[in-house]
Amino acid sequence: MFIFILTFLKPISEVEKYSDAHFEYLDKYYKAGNFLVSGKQNPWIGGAIICFAKDRAEAEKIASNDPFLINDIVKYDITELEATKWAPSFEKFVTNGNTL
């Protein structure tokens, strides 16, 4: 599993220009079973996404399709998390592998 941390590089007025395209990107990868959760950081300096991918190369490929990244609106930091402990209700997500 990968954690994507998105940090805005541009003002919110620029972010908003690409928000609809970013939401379409999110929808695509939720449907594909790659994204578990996403949302805004608080304070709103960017966002975060929990992504399931088979390896770092696939995670980077998924990230590269984000219109925010394509248009230099955000910087992506990608961290791989090898879960070693989780809540029982979360087990199906952690042990499922590459997608939901």
PDB file of N, CA and C in Angstrom:
ATOM      1  N   MET A   1       0.856  -1.158   0.000  1.00  0.00           N
ATOM      2  CA  MET A   1       0.000   0.000   0.000  1.00  0.00           C
ATOM      3  C   MET A   1       0.902   1.220   0.000  1.00  0.00           C
ATOM      4  N   PHE A   2       0.416   2.285  -0.611  1.00  0.00           N
ATOM      5  CA  PHE A   2       1.193   3.513  -0.748  1.00  0.00           C
ATOM      6  C   PHE A   2       0.390   4.687  -0.220  1.00  0.00           C
ATOM      7  N   ILE A   3       1.100   5.620   0.360  1.00  0.00           N
ATOM      8  CA  ILE A   3       0.485   6.859   0.817  1.00  0.00           C
ATOM      9  C   ILE A   3       1.010   7.965  -0.076  1.00  0.00           C
ATOM     10  N   PHE A   4       0.086   8.641  -0.746  1.00  0.00           N
ATOM     11  CA  PHE A   4       0.435   9.783  -1.577  1.00  0.00           C
ATOM     12  C   PHE A   4       0.154  11.039  -0.757  1.00  0.00           C
ATOM     13  N   ILE A   5       1.152  11.878  -0.588  1.00  0.00           N
ATOM     14  CA  ILE A   5       0.960  13.176   0.042  1.00  0.00           C
ATOM     15  C   ILE A   5       1.136  14.223  -1.051  1.00  0.00           C
ATOM     16  N   LEU A   6       0.076  14.998  -1.269  1.00  0.00           N
ATOM     17  CA  LEU A   6       0.088  16.030  -2.290  1.00  0.00           C
ATOM     18  C   LEU A   6       0.238  17.384  -1.594  1.00  0.00           C
ATOM     19  N   THR A   7       1.180  18.177  -2.045  1.00  0.00           N
ATOM     20  CA  THR A   7       1.403  19.502  -1.481  1.00  0.00           C
ATOM     21  C   THR A   7       1.252  20.530  -2.598  1.00  0.00           C
ATOM     22  N   PHE A   8       0.397  21.514  -2.363  1.00  0.00           N
ATOM     23  CA  PHE A   8       0.162  22.534  -3.377  1.00  0.00           C
ATOM     24  C   PHE A   8       1.426  23.330  -3.660  1.00  0.00           C
ATOM     25  N   LEU A   9       1.659  23.571  -4.937  1.00  0.00           N
ATOM     26  CA  LEU A   9       2.757  24.417  -5.388  1.00  0.00           C
ATOM     27  C   LEU A   9       2.244  25.761  -5.899  1.00  0.00           C
ATOM     28  N   LYS A  10       0.931  25.834  -6.103  1.00  0.00           N
ATOM     29  CA  LYS A  10       0.294  27.032  -6.672  1.00  0.00           C
ATOM     30  C   LYS A  10      -0.823  27.508  -5.736  1.00  0.00           C
ATOM     31  N   PRO A  11      -1.269  28.745  -5.931  1.00  0.00           N
ATOM     32  CA  PRO A  11      -2.376  29.270  -5.112  1.00  0.00           C
ATOM     33  C   PRO A  11      -3.676  28.492  -5.352  1.00  0.00           C
ATOM     34  N   ILE A  12      -4.577  28.570  -4.397  1.00  0.00           N
ATOM     35  CA  ILE A  12      -5.863  27.859  -4.484  1.00  0.00           C
ATOM     36  C   ILE A  12      -6.609  28.218  -5.767  1.00  0.00           C
ATOM     37  N   SER A  13      -6.497  29.452  -6.228  1.00  0.00           N
ATOM     38  CA  SER A  13      -7.175  29.840  -7.478  1.00  0.00           C
ATOM     39  C   SER A  13      -6.712  28.975  -8.652  1.00  0.00           C
ATOM     40  N   GLU A  14      -5.451  28.572  -8.667  1.00  0.00           N
ATOM     41  CA  GLU A  14      -4.944  27.677  -9.706  1.00  0.00           C
ATOM     42  C   GLU A  14      -5.394  26.234  -9.450  1.00  0.00           C
ATOM     43  N   VAL A  15      -5.398  25.827  -8.187  1.00  0.00           N
ATOM     44  CA  VAL A  15      -5.852  24.485  -7.812  1.00  0.00           C
ATOM     45  C   VAL A  15      -7.280  24.269  -8.310  1.00  0.00           C
ATOM     46  N   GLU A  16      -8.130  25.261  -8.080  1.00  0.00           N
ATOM     47  CA  GLU A  16      -9.546  25.131  -8.439  1.00  0.00           C
ATOM     48  C   GLU A  16      -9.761  24.946  -9.932  1.00  0.00           C
ATOM     49  N   LYS A  17      -8.880  25.477 -10.759  1.00  0.00           N
ATOM     50  CA  LYS A  17      -9.002  25.322 -12.213  1.00  0.00           C
ATOM     51  C   LYS A  17      -8.900  23.858 -12.642  1.00  0.00           C
ATOM     52  N   TYR A  18      -8.202  23.046 -11.851  1.00  0.00           N
ATOM     53  CA  TYR A  18      -7.961  21.644 -12.202  1.00  0.00           C
ATOM     54  C   TYR A  18      -8.707  20.656 -11.301  1.00  0.00           C
ATOM     55  N   SER A  19      -9.542  21.188 -10.405  1.00  0.00           N
ATOM     56  CA  SER A  19     -10.224  20.322  -9.436  1.00  0.00           C
ATOM     57  C   SER A  19     -11.144  19.306 -10.092  1.00  0.00           C
ATOM     58  N   ASP A  20     -11.931  19.715 -11.076  1.00  0.00           N
ATOM     59  CA  ASP A  20     -12.843  18.761 -11.728  1.00  0.00           C
ATOM     60  C   ASP A  20     -12.072  17.618 -12.379  1.00  0.00           C
ATOM     61  N   ALA A  21     -10.993  17.952 -13.062  1.00  0.00           N
ATOM     62  CA  ALA A  21     -10.175  16.917 -13.703  1.00  0.00           C
ATOM     63  C   ALA A  21      -9.528  16.013 -12.647  1.00  0.00           C
ATOM     64  N   HIS A  22      -9.115  16.593 -11.523  1.00  0.00           N
ATOM     65  CA  HIS A  22      -8.538  15.799 -10.431  1.00  0.00           C
ATOM     66  C   HIS A  22      -9.588  14.841  -9.867  1.00  0.00           C
ATOM     67  N   PHE A  23     -10.828  15.309  -9.693  1.00  0.00           N
ATOM     68  CA  PHE A  23     -11.885  14.440  -9.171  1.00  0.00           C
ATOM     69  C   PHE A  23     -12.198  13.301 -10.144  1.00  0.00           C
ATOM     70  N   GLU A  24     -12.126  13.553 -11.435  1.00  0.00           N
ATOM     71  CA  GLU A  24     -12.307  12.485 -12.426  1.00  0.00           C
ATOM     72  C   GLU A  24     -11.180  11.457 -12.298  1.00  0.00           C
ATOM     73  N   TYR A  25      -9.971  11.931 -12.097  1.00  0.00           N
ATOM     74  CA  TYR A  25      -8.819  11.045 -11.864  1.00  0.00           C
ATOM     75  C   TYR A  25      -9.066  10.169 -10.637  1.00  0.00           C
ATOM     76  N   LEU A  26      -9.516  10.785  -9.542  1.00  0.00           N
ATOM     77  CA  LEU A  26      -9.811  10.013  -8.331  1.00  0.00           C
ATOM     78  C   LEU A  26     -10.870   8.951  -8.617  1.00  0.00           C
ATOM     79  N   ASP A  27     -11.955   9.349  -9.281  1.00  0.00           N
ATOM     80  CA  ASP A  27     -13.037   8.414  -9.594  1.00  0.00           C
ATOM     81  C   ASP A  27     -12.530   7.219 -10.402  1.00  0.00           C
ATOM     82  N   LYS A  28     -11.647   7.484 -11.359  1.00  0.00           N
ATOM     83  CA  LYS A  28     -11.097   6.415 -12.193  1.00  0.00           C
ATOM     84  C   LYS A  28     -10.388   5.364 -11.340  1.00  0.00           C
ATOM     85  N   TYR A  29      -9.576   5.806 -10.401  1.00  0.00           N
ATOM     86  CA  TYR A  29      -8.798   4.853  -9.610  1.00  0.00           C
ATOM     87  C   TYR A  29      -9.585   4.273  -8.432  1.00  0.00           C
ATOM     88  N   TYR A  30     -10.641   4.948  -7.995  1.00  0.00           N
ATOM     89  CA  TYR A  30     -11.553   4.293  -7.046  1.00  0.00           C
ATOM     90  C   TYR A  30     -12.258   3.135  -7.748  1.00  0.00           C
ATOM     91  N   LYS A  31     -12.740   3.379  -8.973  1.00  0.00           N
ATOM     92  CA  LYS A  31     -13.416   2.326  -9.738  1.00  0.00           C
ATOM     93  C   LYS A  31     -12.490   1.151 -10.024  1.00  0.00           C
ATOM     94  N   ALA A  32     -11.226   1.446 -10.291  1.00  0.00           N
ATOM     95  CA  ALA A  32     -10.246   0.395 -10.594  1.00  0.00           C
ATOM     96  C   ALA A  32      -9.838  -0.390  -9.350  1.00  0.00           C
ATOM     97  N   GLY A  33     -10.221   0.110  -8.168  1.00  0.00           N
ATOM     98  CA  GLY A  33      -9.890  -0.583  -6.928  1.00  0.00           C
ATOM     99  C   GLY A  33      -8.540  -0.212  -6.352  1.00  0.00           C
ATOM    100  N   ASN A  34      -7.946   0.880  -6.844  1.00  0.00           N
ATOM    101  CA  ASN A  34      -6.628   1.285  -6.344  1.00  0.00           C
ATOM    102  C   ASN A  34      -6.693   2.227  -5.151  1.00  0.00           C
ATOM    103  N   PHE A  35      -7.729   3.050  -5.064  1.00  0.00           N
ATOM    104  CA  PHE A  35      -7.789   4.041  -3.997  1.00  0.00           C
ATOM    105  C   PHE A  35      -8.745   3.597  -2.896  1.00  0.00           C
ATOM    106  N   LEU A  36      -8.284   3.730  -1.672  1.00  0.00           N
ATOM    107  CA  LEU A  36      -9.089   3.405  -0.494  1.00  0.00           C
ATOM    108  C   LEU A  36      -9.729   4.651   0.086  1.00  0.00           C
ATOM    109  N   VAL A  37      -8.957   5.718   0.216  1.00  0.00           N
ATOM    110  CA  VAL A  37      -9.462   6.956   0.811  1.00  0.00           C
ATOM    111  C   VAL A  37      -8.613   8.112   0.299  1.00  0.00           C
ATOM    112  N   SER A  38      -9.241   9.279   0.218  1.00  0.00           N
ATOM    113  CA  SER A  38      -8.520  10.488  -0.185  1.00  0.00           C
ATOM    114  C   SER A  38      -9.181  11.678   0.481  1.00  0.00           C
ATOM    115  N   GLY A  39      -8.438  12.763   0.580  1.00  0.00           N
ATOM    116  CA  GLY A  39      -9.018  13.957   1.166  1.00  0.00           C
ATOM    117  C   GLY A  39      -8.015  15.073   1.327  1.00  0.00           C
ATOM    118  N   LYS A  40      -8.511  16.172   1.881  1.00  0.00           N
ATOM    119  CA  LYS A  40      -7.708  17.371   2.096  1.00  0.00           C
ATOM    120  C   LYS A  40      -6.872  17.244   3.356  1.00  0.00           C
ATOM    121  N   GLN A  41      -5.702  17.847   3.326  1.00  0.00           N
ATOM    122  CA  GLN A  41      -4.943  18.038   4.557  1.00  0.00           C
ATOM    123  C   GLN A  41      -5.585  19.193   5.320  1.00  0.00           C
ATOM    124  N   ASN A  42      -5.410  19.202   6.622  1.00  0.00           N
ATOM    125  CA  ASN A  42      -5.927  20.292   7.443  1.00  0.00           C
ATOM    126  C   ASN A  42      -4.772  20.865   8.241  1.00  0.00           C
ATOM    127  N   PRO A  43      -4.321  22.097   7.976  1.00  0.00           N
ATOM    128  CA  PRO A  43      -4.907  23.072   7.056  1.00  0.00           C
ATOM    129  C   PRO A  43      -4.740  22.636   5.600  1.00  0.00           C
ATOM    130  N   TRP A  44      -5.520  23.271   4.734  1.00  0.00           N
ATOM    131  CA  TRP A  44      -5.610  22.860   3.338  1.00  0.00           C
ATOM    132  C   TRP A  44      -4.397  23.327   2.550  1.00  0.00           C
ATOM    133  N   ILE A  45      -3.317  22.562   2.687  1.00  0.00           N
ATOM    134  CA  ILE A  45      -2.081  22.835   1.948  1.00  0.00           C
ATOM    135  C   ILE A  45      -1.855  21.768   0.880  1.00  0.00           C
ATOM    136  N   GLY A  46      -2.811  20.878   0.747  1.00  0.00           N
ATOM    137  CA  GLY A  46      -2.717  19.769  -0.198  1.00  0.00           C
ATOM    138  C   GLY A  46      -3.665  18.673   0.212  1.00  0.00           C
ATOM    139  N   GLY A  47      -3.327  17.447  -0.144  1.00  0.00           N
ATOM    140  CA  GLY A  47      -4.198  16.319   0.150  1.00  0.00           C
ATOM    141  C   GLY A  47      -3.398  15.055   0.383  1.00  0.00           C
ATOM    142  N   ALA A  48      -4.132  13.963   0.538  1.00  0.00           N
ATOM    143  CA  ALA A  48      -3.515  12.657   0.737  1.00  0.00           C
ATOM    144  C   ALA A  48      -4.410  11.586   0.133  1.00  0.00           C
ATOM    145  N   ILE A  49      -3.780  10.506  -0.323  1.00  0.00           N
ATOM    146  CA  ILE A  49      -4.494   9.379  -0.927  1.00  0.00           C
ATOM    147  C   ILE A  49      -3.831   8.096  -0.427  1.00  0.00           C
ATOM    148  N   ILE A  50      -4.644   7.122  -0.049  1.00  0.00           N
ATOM    149  CA  ILE A  50      -4.120   5.779   0.219  1.00  0.00           C
ATOM    150  C   ILE A  50      -4.399   4.957  -1.025  1.00  0.00           C
ATOM    151  N   CYS A  51      -3.332   4.411  -1.583  1.00  0.00           N
ATOM    152  CA  CYS A  51      -3.381   3.730  -2.874  1.00  0.00           C
ATOM    153  C   CYS A  51      -2.865   2.303  -2.747  1.00  0.00           C
ATOM    154  N   PHE A  52      -3.538   1.379  -3.403  1.00  0.00           N
ATOM    155  CA  PHE A  52      -3.063   0.010  -3.524  1.00  0.00           C
ATOM    156  C   PHE A  52      -2.496  -0.156  -4.930  1.00  0.00           C
ATOM    157  N   ALA A  53      -1.266  -0.629  -4.994  1.00  0.00           N
ATOM    158  CA  ALA A  53      -0.592  -0.884  -6.261  1.00  0.00           C
ATOM    159  C   ALA A  53       0.345  -2.063  -6.058  1.00  0.00           C
ATOM    160  N   LYS A  54       0.657  -2.781  -7.131  1.00  0.00           N
ATOM    161  CA  LYS A  54       1.488  -3.988  -6.984  1.00  0.00           C
ATOM    162  C   LYS A  54       2.930  -3.663  -6.617  1.00  0.00           C
ATOM    163  N   ASP A  55       3.393  -2.468  -7.012  1.00  0.00           N
ATOM    164  CA  ASP A  55       4.764  -2.062  -6.689  1.00  0.00           C
ATOM    165  C   ASP A  55       4.888  -0.551  -6.855  1.00  0.00           C
ATOM    166  N   ARG A  56       6.061  -0.029  -6.539  1.00  0.00           N
ATOM    167  CA  ARG A  56       6.278   1.417  -6.603  1.00  0.00           C
ATOM    168  C   ARG A  56       6.114   1.950  -8.026  1.00  0.00           C
ATOM    169  N   ALA A  57       6.557   1.192  -9.008  1.00  0.00           N
ATOM    170  CA  ALA A  57       6.429   1.641 -10.397  1.00  0.00           C
ATOM    171  C   ALA A  57       4.966   1.868 -10.768  1.00  0.00           C
ATOM    172  N   GLU A  58       4.094   0.940 -10.345  1.00  0.00           N
ATOM    173  CA  GLU A  58       2.671   1.117 -10.639  1.00  0.00           C
ATOM    174  C   GLU A  58       2.116   2.312  -9.871  1.00  0.00           C
ATOM    175  N   ALA A  59       2.507   2.482  -8.614  1.00  0.00           N
ATOM    176  CA  ALA A  59       2.047   3.627  -7.829  1.00  0.00           C
ATOM    177  C   ALA A  59       2.464   4.937  -8.496  1.00  0.00           C
ATOM    178  N   GLU A  60       3.698   5.003  -8.959  1.00  0.00           N
ATOM    179  CA  GLU A  60       4.179   6.209  -9.634  1.00  0.00           C
ATOM    180  C   GLU A  60       3.432   6.454 -10.941  1.00  0.00           C
ATOM    181  N   LYS A  61       3.100   5.380 -11.648  1.00  0.00           N
ATOM    182  CA  LYS A  61       2.338   5.521 -12.892  1.00  0.00           C
ATOM    183  C   LYS A  61       0.941   6.072 -12.602  1.00  0.00           C
ATOM    184  N   ILE A  62       0.310   5.560 -11.549  1.00  0.00           N
ATOM    185  CA  ILE A  62      -1.008   6.068 -11.152  1.00  0.00           C
ATOM    186  C   ILE A  62      -0.911   7.546 -10.810  1.00  0.00           C
ATOM    187  N   ALA A  63       0.067   7.912  -9.995  1.00  0.00           N
ATOM    188  CA  ALA A  63       0.248   9.315  -9.604  1.00  0.00           C
ATOM    189  C   ALA A  63       0.480  10.200 -10.825  1.00  0.00           C
ATOM    190  N   SER A  64       1.216   9.691 -11.800  1.00  0.00           N
ATOM    191  CA  SER A  64       1.571  10.499 -12.973  1.00  0.00           C
ATOM    192  C   SER A  64       0.362  10.893 -13.807  1.00  0.00           C
ATOM    193  N   ASN A  65      -0.774  10.240 -13.594  1.00  0.00           N
ATOM    194  CA  ASN A  65      -1.999  10.556 -14.332  1.00  0.00           C
ATOM    195  C   ASN A  65      -2.832  11.656 -13.688  1.00  0.00           C
ATOM    196  N   ASP A  66      -2.424  12.136 -12.531  1.00  0.00           N
ATOM    197  CA  ASP A  66      -3.193  13.173 -11.836  1.00  0.00           C
ATOM    198  C   ASP A  66      -3.011  14.510 -12.558  1.00  0.00           C
ATOM    199  N   PRO A  67      -4.117  15.135 -12.999  1.00  0.00           N
ATOM    200  CA  PRO A  67      -4.009  16.446 -13.646  1.00  0.00           C
ATOM    201  C   PRO A  67      -3.329  17.498 -12.767  1.00  0.00           C
ATOM    202  N   PHE A  68      -3.451  17.365 -11.456  1.00  0.00           N
ATOM    203  CA  PHE A  68      -2.733  18.287 -10.577  1.00  0.00           C
ATOM    204  C   PHE A  68      -1.225  18.156 -10.784  1.00  0.00           C
ATOM    205  N   LEU A  69      -0.734  16.940 -10.910  1.00  0.00           N
ATOM    206  CA  LEU A  69       0.699  16.717 -11.110  1.00  0.00           C
ATOM    207  C   LEU A  69       1.112  17.102 -12.537  1.00  0.00           C
ATOM    208  N   ILE A  70       0.319  16.700 -13.500  1.00  0.00           N
ATOM    209  CA  ILE A  70       0.609  16.999 -14.905  1.00  0.00           C
ATOM    210  C   ILE A  70       0.761  18.501 -15.124  1.00  0.00           C
ATOM    211  N   ASN A  71      -0.047  19.290 -14.419  1.00  0.00           N
ATOM    212  CA  ASN A  71      -0.051  20.742 -14.592  1.00  0.00           C
ATOM    213  C   ASN A  71       0.742  21.491 -13.519  1.00  0.00           C
ATOM    214  N   ASP A  72       1.617  20.766 -12.820  1.00  0.00           N
ATOM    215  CA  ASP A  72       2.502  21.362 -11.810  1.00  0.00           C
ATOM    216  C   ASP A  72       1.752  22.124 -10.726  1.00  0.00           C
ATOM    217  N   ILE A  73       0.597  21.598 -10.327  1.00  0.00           N
ATOM    218  CA  ILE A  73      -0.197  22.208  -9.261  1.00  0.00           C
ATOM    219  C   ILE A  73       0.233  21.654  -7.909  1.00  0.00           C
ATOM    220  N   VAL A  74       0.695  20.404  -7.888  1.00  0.00           N
ATOM    221  CA  VAL A  74       1.109  19.759  -6.635  1.00  0.00           C
ATOM    222  C   VAL A  74       2.448  19.063  -6.810  1.00  0.00           C
ATOM    223  N   LYS A  75       3.045  18.809  -5.672  1.00  0.00           N
ATOM    224  CA  LYS A  75       4.203  17.919  -5.583  1.00  0.00           C
ATOM    225  C   LYS A  75       3.685  16.648  -4.928  1.00  0.00           C
ATOM    226  N   TYR A  76       4.072  15.496  -5.424  1.00  0.00           N
ATOM    227  CA  TYR A  76       3.688  14.205  -4.852  1.00  0.00           C
ATOM    228  C   TYR A  76       4.852  13.632  -4.054  1.00  0.00           C
ATOM    229  N   ASP A  77       4.596  13.236  -2.826  1.00  0.00           N
ATOM    230  CA  ASP A  77       5.519  12.412  -2.057  1.00  0.00           C
ATOM    231  C   ASP A  77       4.848  11.055  -1.917  1.00  0.00           C
ATOM    232  N   ILE A  78       5.537  10.004  -2.312  1.00  0.00           N
ATOM    233  CA  ILE A  78       4.975   8.650  -2.292  1.00  0.00           C
ATOM    234  C   ILE A  78       5.758   7.818  -1.284  1.00  0.00           C
ATOM    235  N   THR A  79       5.034   7.270  -0.318  1.00  0.00           N
ATOM    236  CA  THR A  79       5.643   6.423   0.706  1.00  0.00           C
ATOM    237  C   THR A  79       4.992   5.055   0.663  1.00  0.00           C
ATOM    238  N   GLU A  80       5.810   4.007   0.600  1.00  0.00           N
ATOM    239  CA  GLU A  80       5.274   2.656   0.668  1.00  0.00           C
ATOM    240  C   GLU A  80       5.132   2.256   2.119  1.00  0.00           C
ATOM    241  N   LEU A  81       3.976   1.722   2.456  1.00  0.00           N
ATOM    242  CA  LEU A  81       3.704   1.257   3.809  1.00  0.00           C
ATOM    243  C   LEU A  81       3.496  -0.247   3.775  1.00  0.00           C
ATOM    244  N   GLU A  82       4.357  -0.983   4.481  1.00  0.00           N
ATOM    245  CA  GLU A  82       4.160  -2.418   4.654  1.00  0.00           C
ATOM    246  C   GLU A  82       3.480  -2.592   6.003  1.00  0.00           C
ATOM    247  N   ALA A  83       2.176  -2.749   5.960  1.00  0.00           N
ATOM    248  CA  ALA A  83       1.395  -2.834   7.190  1.00  0.00           C
ATOM    249  C   ALA A  83       1.788  -4.080   7.989  1.00  0.00           C
ATOM    250  N   THR A  84       2.024  -3.896   9.273  1.00  0.00           N
ATOM    251  CA  THR A  84       2.368  -5.007  10.159  1.00  0.00           C
ATOM    252  C   THR A  84       1.343  -5.180  11.279  1.00  0.00           C
ATOM    253  N   LYS A  85       0.465  -4.209  11.445  1.00  0.00           N
ATOM    254  CA  LYS A  85      -0.593  -4.294  12.456  1.00  0.00           C
ATOM    255  C   LYS A  85      -1.753  -3.442  11.971  1.00  0.00           C
ATOM    256  N   TRP A  86      -2.978  -3.916  12.231  1.00  0.00           N
ATOM    257  CA  TRP A  86      -4.165  -3.187  11.780  1.00  0.00           C
ATOM    258  C   TRP A  86      -5.372  -3.601  12.601  1.00  0.00           C
ATOM    259  N   ALA A  87      -6.399  -2.757  12.551  1.00  0.00           N
ATOM    260  CA  ALA A  87      -7.673  -3.064  13.196  1.00  0.00           C
ATOM    261  C   ALA A  87      -8.311  -4.243  12.468  1.00  0.00           C
ATOM    262  N   PRO A  88      -9.005  -5.120  13.199  1.00  0.00           N
ATOM    263  CA  PRO A  88      -9.621  -6.284  12.553  1.00  0.00           C
ATOM    264  C   PRO A  88     -10.517  -5.910  11.364  1.00  0.00           C
ATOM    265  N   SER A  89     -11.231  -4.816  11.448  1.00  0.00           N
ATOM    266  CA  SER A  89     -12.129  -4.422  10.360  1.00  0.00           C
ATOM    267  C   SER A  89     -11.364  -3.951   9.118  1.00  0.00           C
ATOM    268  N   PHE A  90     -10.079  -3.692   9.257  1.00  0.00           N
ATOM    269  CA  PHE A  90      -9.257  -3.223   8.157  1.00  0.00           C
ATOM    270  C   PHE A  90      -8.525  -4.360   7.451  1.00  0.00           C
ATOM    271  N   GLU A  91      -8.580  -5.561   8.017  1.00  0.00           N
ATOM    272  CA  GLU A  91      -7.798  -6.689   7.507  1.00  0.00           C
ATOM    273  C   GLU A  91      -8.050  -6.982   6.036  1.00  0.00           C
ATOM    274  N   LYS A  92      -9.302  -6.922   5.593  1.00  0.00           N
ATOM    275  CA  LYS A  92      -9.592  -7.248   4.194  1.00  0.00           C
ATOM    276  C   LYS A  92      -8.906  -6.281   3.226  1.00  0.00           C
ATOM    277  N   PHE A  93      -8.645  -5.049   3.662  1.00  0.00           N
ATOM    278  CA  PHE A  93      -7.960  -4.095   2.804  1.00  0.00           C
ATOM    279  C   PHE A  93      -6.459  -4.363   2.767  1.00  0.00           C
ATOM    280  N   VAL A  94      -5.897  -4.724   3.902  1.00  0.00           N
ATOM    281  CA  VAL A  94      -4.454  -4.906   4.016  1.00  0.00           C
ATOM    282  C   VAL A  94      -4.005  -6.217   3.386  1.00  0.00           C
ATOM    283  N   THR A  95      -4.782  -7.254   3.512  1.00  0.00           N
ATOM    284  CA  THR A  95      -4.379  -8.569   3.013  1.00  0.00           C
ATOM    285  C   THR A  95      -4.837  -8.830   1.586  1.00  0.00           C
ATOM    286  N   ASN A  96      -5.606  -7.908   0.999  1.00  0.00           N
ATOM    287  CA  ASN A  96      -6.132  -8.111  -0.345  1.00  0.00           C
ATOM    288  C   ASN A  96      -5.057  -7.991  -1.412  1.00  0.00           C
ATOM    289  N   GLY A  97      -3.998  -7.253  -1.140  1.00  0.00           N
ATOM    290  CA  GLY A  97      -2.926  -7.163  -2.134  1.00  0.00           C
ATOM    291  C   GLY A  97      -2.927  -5.866  -2.892  1.00  0.00           C
ATOM    292  N   ASN A  98      -3.072  -5.966  -4.212  1.00  0.00           N
ATOM    293  CA  ASN A  98      -2.847  -4.816  -5.084  1.00  0.00           C
ATOM    294  C   ASN A  98      -4.035  -3.902  -5.298  1.00  0.00           C
ATOM    295  N   THR A  99      -5.234  -4.421  -5.147  1.00  0.00           N
ATOM    296  CA  THR A  99      -6.429  -3.582  -5.359  1.00  0.00           C
ATOM    297  C   THR A  99      -7.486  -3.977  -4.335  1.00  0.00           C
ATOM    298  N   LEU A 100      -8.485  -3.127  -4.265  1.00  0.00           N
ATOM    299  CA  LEU A 100      -9.600  -3.396  -3.340  1.00  0.00           C
ATOM    300  C   LEU A 100     -10.604  -4.344  -3.954  1.00  0.00           C
TER     301      LEU A 100
END
